[in-house]
């Protein structure tokens, strides 16, 4: 990933990330790209190769449940 966990956390809290994430959610039509849910949306990094300079294909808009499944977390 290239960034320390602290730096990653700071980046995710930054205005830059929040603007990028909001743009991705709008681009996805305010719905999960996997199941179509409009609730609890997150922006998931498919890759960290361009962290801080992500391209649209590096990210996916997922609801909380689909995001957890993506990371192998069960509810």
C-alpha atoms as a PDB file:
ATOM      1  CA  UNK A   1       0.000   0.000   0.000  1.00  0.00           C
ATOM      2  CA  UNK A   2       2.901   2.359   0.607  1.00  0.00           C
ATOM      3  CA  UNK A   3       1.323   4.373   3.407  1.00  0.00           C
ATOM      4  CA  UNK A   4       1.497   3.543   7.082  1.00  0.00           C
ATOM      5  CA  UNK A   5      -1.822   2.664   8.753  1.00  0.00           C
ATOM      6  CA  UNK A   6      -1.792   6.095  10.420  1.00  0.00           C
ATOM      7  CA  UNK A   7      -1.242   7.855   7.094  1.00  0.00           C
ATOM      8  CA  UNK A   8      -3.997   5.765   5.473  1.00  0.00           C
ATOM      9  CA  UNK A   9      -6.399   6.687   8.285  1.00  0.00           C
ATOM     10  CA  UNK A  10      -5.498  10.371   7.914  1.00  0.00           C
ATOM     11  CA  UNK A  11      -6.044  10.162   4.149  1.00  0.00           C
ATOM     12  CA  UNK A  12      -9.476   8.529   4.572  1.00  0.00           C
ATOM     13  CA  UNK A  13     -10.432  11.422   6.877  1.00  0.00           C
ATOM     14  CA  UNK A  14      -9.165  14.073   4.442  1.00  0.00           C
ATOM     15  CA  UNK A  15     -11.284  16.469   2.402  1.00  0.00           C
ATOM     16  CA  UNK A  16      -9.609  15.090  -0.741  1.00  0.00           C
ATOM     17  CA  UNK A  17     -10.839  11.537  -0.028  1.00  0.00           C
ATOM     18  CA  UNK A  18     -14.288  12.672   1.103  1.00  0.00           C
ATOM     19  CA  UNK A  19     -14.756  14.579  -2.160  1.00  0.00           C
ATOM     20  CA  UNK A  20     -13.529  11.641  -4.237  1.00  0.00           C
ATOM     21  CA  UNK A  21     -15.768   9.201  -2.346  1.00  0.00           C
ATOM     22  CA  UNK A  22     -18.814  11.484  -2.690  1.00  0.00           C
ATOM     23  CA  UNK A  23     -18.187  11.762  -6.433  1.00  0.00           C
ATOM     24  CA  UNK A  24     -17.981   7.964  -6.726  1.00  0.00           C
ATOM     25  CA  UNK A  25     -21.245   7.499  -4.818  1.00  0.00           C
ATOM     26  CA  UNK A  26     -22.968  10.011  -7.098  1.00  0.00           C
ATOM     27  CA  UNK A  27     -21.481   8.314 -10.176  1.00  0.00           C
ATOM     28  CA  UNK A  28     -22.921   4.987  -8.940  1.00  0.00           C
ATOM     29  CA  UNK A  29     -26.376   6.549  -8.715  1.00  0.00           C
ATOM     30  CA  UNK A  30     -26.333   6.478  -4.908  1.00  0.00           C
ATOM     31  CA  UNK A  31     -26.597   2.668  -4.954  1.00  0.00           C
ATOM     32  CA  UNK A  32     -24.387  -0.306  -4.189  1.00  0.00           C
ATOM     33  CA  UNK A  33     -22.716  -1.468  -7.378  1.00  0.00           C
ATOM     34  CA  UNK A  34     -23.141  -5.089  -6.314  1.00  0.00           C
ATOM     35  CA  UNK A  35     -26.684  -5.410  -4.910  1.00  0.00           C
ATOM     36  CA  UNK A  36     -28.312  -2.049  -5.685  1.00  0.00           C
ATOM     37  CA  UNK A  37     -29.004  -1.081  -2.077  1.00  0.00           C
ATOM     38  CA  UNK A  38     -29.129   2.668  -1.370  1.00  0.00           C
ATOM     39  CA  UNK A  39     -28.186   2.203   2.320  1.00  0.00           C
ATOM     40  CA  UNK A  40     -24.923   2.467   4.252  1.00  0.00           C
ATOM     41  CA  UNK A  41     -22.740   3.098   1.205  1.00  0.00           C
ATOM     42  CA  UNK A  42     -18.941   2.833   1.395  1.00  0.00           C
ATOM     43  CA  UNK A  43     -16.284   3.364  -1.235  1.00  0.00           C
ATOM     44  CA  UNK A  44     -14.036   0.313  -1.435  1.00  0.00           C
ATOM     45  CA  UNK A  45     -10.470   0.344  -2.767  1.00  0.00           C
ATOM     46  CA  UNK A  46     -10.028  -2.499  -5.263  1.00  0.00           C
ATOM     47  CA  UNK A  47      -6.327  -1.616  -5.328  1.00  0.00           C
ATOM     48  CA  UNK A  48      -4.048   0.655  -3.327  1.00  0.00           C
ATOM     49  CA  UNK A  49      -1.607   1.106  -6.222  1.00  0.00           C
ATOM     50  CA  UNK A  50      -2.633   4.748  -6.774  1.00  0.00           C
ATOM     51  CA  UNK A  51      -3.730   5.604  -3.226  1.00  0.00           C
ATOM     52  CA  UNK A  52      -4.274   9.344  -3.057  1.00  0.00           C
ATOM     53  CA  UNK A  53      -4.560   9.511  -6.842  1.00  0.00           C
ATOM     54  CA  UNK A  54      -7.180   6.818  -7.436  1.00  0.00           C
ATOM     55  CA  UNK A  55      -8.844   6.327 -10.767  1.00  0.00           C
ATOM     56  CA  UNK A  56     -12.541   5.441 -10.947  1.00  0.00           C
ATOM     57  CA  UNK A  57     -11.686   1.819 -11.797  1.00  0.00           C
ATOM     58  CA  UNK A  58      -9.668   1.546  -8.575  1.00  0.00           C
ATOM     59  CA  UNK A  59     -12.812   2.064  -6.490  1.00  0.00           C
ATOM     60  CA  UNK A  60     -16.219   0.441  -6.028  1.00  0.00           C
ATOM     61  CA  UNK A  61     -19.307   1.747  -4.251  1.00  0.00           C
ATOM     62  CA  UNK A  62     -20.602  -0.971  -1.950  1.00  0.00           C
ATOM     63  CA  UNK A  63     -23.208  -1.089   0.796  1.00  0.00           C
ATOM     64  CA  UNK A  64     -21.924  -2.062   4.217  1.00  0.00           C
ATOM     65  CA  UNK A  65     -23.011  -5.708   3.829  1.00  0.00           C
ATOM     66  CA  UNK A  66     -21.364  -6.118   0.412  1.00  0.00           C
ATOM     67  CA  UNK A  67     -18.234  -4.306   1.631  1.00  0.00           C
ATOM     68  CA  UNK A  68     -17.957  -6.696   4.561  1.00  0.00           C
ATOM     69  CA  UNK A  69     -18.412  -9.672   2.223  1.00  0.00           C
ATOM     70  CA  UNK A  70     -15.655  -8.265   0.004  1.00  0.00           C
ATOM     71  CA  UNK A  71     -13.321  -8.374   3.033  1.00  0.00           C
ATOM     72  CA  UNK A  72     -14.562 -11.796   4.179  1.00  0.00           C
ATOM     73  CA  UNK A  73     -16.392 -10.419   7.211  1.00  0.00           C
ATOM     74  CA  UNK A  74     -19.675 -12.034   8.225  1.00  0.00           C
ATOM     75  CA  UNK A  75     -22.415 -10.044   9.915  1.00  0.00           C
END
